[in-house]
C-alpha atoms as a PDB file:
ATOM      1  CA  MET A   1     -11.713   9.589  11.818  1.00  0.00           C
ATOM      2  CA  LEU A   2     -10.088   6.816   9.699  1.00  0.00           C
ATOM      3  CA  LEU A   3      -7.536   8.619   7.452  1.00  0.00           C
ATOM      4  CA  VAL A   4      -6.709   7.780   3.598  1.00  0.00           C
ATOM      5  CA  THR A   5      -3.320   7.231   2.216  1.00  0.00           C
ATOM      6  CA  ALA A   6      -2.421   6.064  -1.071  1.00  0.00           C
ATOM      7  CA  ALA A   7       0.540   3.677  -0.691  1.00  0.00           C
ATOM      8  CA  PRO A   8       2.681   0.630  -2.702  1.00  0.00           C
ATOM      9  CA  ALA A   9       1.458  -2.395  -1.927  1.00  0.00           C
ATOM     10  CA  SER A  10       5.271  -2.521  -0.447  1.00  0.00           C
ATOM     11  CA  ALA A  11       4.691   0.319   2.010  1.00  0.00           C
ATOM     12  CA  GLU A  12       3.572  -0.256   5.406  1.00  0.00           C
ATOM     13  CA  VAL A  13       1.108   3.275   6.868  1.00  0.00           C
ATOM     14  CA  LYS A  14       1.089   4.401  10.858  1.00  0.00           C
ATOM     15  CA  SER A  15      -1.291   7.218  12.241  1.00  0.00           C
ATOM     16  CA  THR A  16      -2.337   8.445  14.900  1.00  0.00           C
ATOM     17  CA  CYS A  17      -4.103  11.634  15.891  1.00  0.00           C
ATOM     18  CA  GLY A  18      -3.856  13.974  18.815  1.00  0.00           C
ATOM     19  CA  THR A  19      -6.193  16.640  20.551  1.00  0.00           C
ATOM     20  CA  TYR A  20      -6.666  19.276  16.596  1.00  0.00           C
ATOM     21  CA  ILE A  21      -4.085  16.853  13.818  1.00  0.00           C
ATOM     22  CA  CYS A  22      -4.113  13.899  12.649  1.00  0.00           C
ATOM     23  CA  VAL A  23      -1.189  12.622  11.246  1.00  0.00           C
ATOM     24  CA  ALA A  24      -0.623   9.173   8.627  1.00  0.00           C
ATOM     25  CA  THR A  25       3.219   8.333   7.205  1.00  0.00           C
ATOM     26  CA  ALA A  26       3.046   5.737   4.508  1.00  0.00           C
ATOM     27  CA  TYR A  27       6.870   4.430   4.918  1.00  0.00           C
ATOM     28  CA  GLN A  28       9.241   1.417   3.748  1.00  0.00           C
ATOM     29  CA  GLY A  29      11.124  -0.696   5.580  1.00  0.00           C
ATOM     30  CA  ARG A  30      13.188   1.385   8.991  1.00  0.00           C
ATOM     31  CA  ASP A  31      14.372   4.269   6.689  1.00  0.00           C
ATOM     32  CA  TYR A  32      12.685   6.164   4.066  1.00  0.00           C
ATOM     33  CA  VAL A  33       8.918   7.799   4.354  1.00  0.00           C
ATOM     34  CA  GLN A  34       6.858   7.718   1.011  1.00  0.00           C
ATOM     35  CA  ASP A  35       4.834  10.628   1.909  1.00  0.00           C
ATOM     36  CA  ILE A  36       3.012  13.145   5.696  1.00  0.00           C
ATOM     37  CA  THR A  37      -1.302  13.099   5.194  1.00  0.00           C
ATOM     38  CA  VAL A  38      -2.070  15.857   7.886  1.00  0.00           C
ATOM     39  CA  THR A  39      -5.265  16.211   8.976  1.00  0.00           C
ATOM     40  CA  THR A  40      -7.197  18.680  10.680  1.00  0.00           C
ATOM     41  CA  ARG A  41      -9.983  16.959  13.540  1.00  0.00           C
ATOM     42  CA  ASP A  42     -12.508  19.528  13.696  1.00  0.00           C
ATOM     43  CA  GLY A  43     -12.129  19.883   9.577  1.00  0.00           C
ATOM     44  CA  LEU A  44     -11.969  24.290   9.920  1.00  0.00           C
ATOM     45  CA  PRO A  45      -8.678  25.014   7.574  1.00  0.00           C
ATOM     46  CA  GLY A  46      -5.001  26.634   8.792  1.00  0.00           C
ATOM     47  CA  THR A  47      -1.518  25.990   7.627  1.00  0.00           C
ATOM     48  CA  LEU A  48      -0.175  22.355   7.911  1.00  0.00           C
ATOM     49  CA  ARG A  49       3.154  21.669   8.857  1.00  0.00           C
ATOM     50  CA  ALA A  50       5.276  18.185   7.911  1.00  0.00           C
ATOM     51  CA  PHE A  51       8.494  17.707   9.206  1.00  0.00           C
ATOM     52  CA  VAL A  52      10.604  14.095   9.147  1.00  0.00           C
ATOM     53  CA  GLY A  53      14.820  14.802   9.640  1.00  0.00           C
ATOM     54  CA  ASP A  54      15.977  17.717   7.185  1.00  0.00           C
ATOM     55  CA  TYR A  55      12.236  17.918   5.780  1.00  0.00           C
ATOM     56  CA  ARG A  56       9.922  20.382   6.213  1.00  0.00           C
ATOM     57  CA  GLY A  57       6.479  21.501   4.062  1.00  0.00           C
ATOM     58  CA  SER A  58       3.873  24.060   4.900  1.00  0.00           C
ATOM     59  CA  LYS A  59       0.755  24.803   3.052  1.00  0.00           C
ATOM     60  CA  ALA A  60      -1.530  27.168   4.054  1.00  0.00           C
ATOM     61  CA  ASN A  61      -5.795  28.118   4.355  1.00  0.00           C
ATOM     62  CA  VAL A  62      -5.936  23.815   3.893  1.00  0.00           C
ATOM     63  CA  SER A  63      -8.319  21.302   6.255  1.00  0.00           C
ATOM     64  CA  ARG A  64      -5.697  18.139   4.770  1.00  0.00           C
ATOM     65  CA  TRP A  65      -3.262  17.650   3.220  1.00  0.00           C
ATOM     66  CA  ARG A  66      -0.594  15.072   1.544  1.00  0.00           C
ATOM     67  CA  PHE A  67       2.936  16.435   1.703  1.00  0.00           C
ATOM     68  CA  VAL A  68       5.154  14.198  -0.483  1.00  0.00           C
ATOM     69  CA  VAL A  69       8.781  13.567   0.530  1.00  0.00           C
ATOM     70  CA  ASN A  70      10.475  10.176  -0.518  1.00  0.00           C
ATOM     71  CA  ARG A  71      13.218   9.892   0.570  1.00  0.00           C
ATOM     72  CA  GLU A  72      15.544   7.555   3.491  1.00  0.00           C
ATOM     73  CA  ILE A  73      15.902   9.412   6.758  1.00  0.00           C
ATOM     74  CA  ARG A  74      18.211   7.708   8.942  1.00  0.00           C
ATOM     75  CA  ALA A  75      16.268   7.778  12.817  1.00  0.00           C
ATOM     76  CA  TYR A  76      17.788   5.178  15.865  1.00  0.00           C
ATOM     77  CA  PRO A  77      16.985   3.347  17.507  1.00  0.00           C
ATOM     78  CA  ARG A  78      12.844   4.916  15.652  1.00  0.00           C
ATOM     79  CA  LEU A  79      12.170   7.298  13.783  1.00  0.00           C
ATOM     80  CA  ALA A  80       9.549  10.316  14.108  1.00  0.00           C
ATOM     81  CA  VAL A  81       7.195  11.553  11.170  1.00  0.00           C
ATOM     82  CA  CYS A  82       5.488  14.871  12.601  1.00  0.00           C
ATOM     83  CA  GLY A  83       2.864  16.983  11.108  1.00  0.00           C
ATOM     84  CA  GLY A  84       1.956  20.820  12.976  1.00  0.00           C
ATOM     85  CA  LEU A  85      -1.193  22.520  12.719  1.00  0.00           C
ATOM     86  CA  ASP A  86      -0.729  26.918  12.996  1.00  0.00           C
ATOM     87  CA  ARG A  87      -3.935  29.114  13.743  1.00  0.00           C
ATOM     88  CA  GLY A  88      -3.644  32.821  13.299  1.00  0.00           C
ATOM     89  CA  GLY A  89       0.575  32.063  14.240  1.00  0.00           C
ATOM     90  CA  ARG A  90      -0.285  30.943  16.622  1.00  0.00           C
ATOM     91  CA  VAL A  91       1.262  26.537  16.713  1.00  0.00           C
ATOM     92  CA  ILE A  92      -2.111  24.346  17.904  1.00  0.00           C
ATOM     93  CA  GLU A  93      -0.572  21.733  17.816  1.00  0.00           C
ATOM     94  CA  ASN A  94       2.820  19.137  16.282  1.00  0.00           C
ATOM     95  CA  HIS A  95       2.086  15.259  16.495  1.00  0.00           C
ATOM     96  CA  CYS A  96       4.334  12.627  15.393  1.00  0.00           C
ATOM     97  CA  VAL A  97       4.108   9.281  14.289  1.00  0.00           C
ATOM     98  CA  MET A  98       7.426   7.093  15.815  1.00  0.00           C
ATOM     99  CA  ILE A  99       8.029   3.769  12.473  1.00  0.00           C
ATOM    100  CA  PRO A 100       8.861   1.196  13.000  1.00  0.00           C
END
């Protein structure tokens, strides 16, 4: 599955997939997260979540969503940028991308 995330030329994009979702993030350096894109692998909708540091976002009834974070989040030695999928009130999967 190919994930495309719009990012400025200075940003890097990293993505990984779990069993049910793929998570991609655009980031700068080690601490600045621009966005998190969460996509269901089966194309069916659910409640998508994104979380990193103190940022939490969710969007119901979608199969793909881009969460705009645009903040610096300090973590050592690596930063976990995560997405999640809920369906029917149950957590189906949480999956994280580690940066850098």
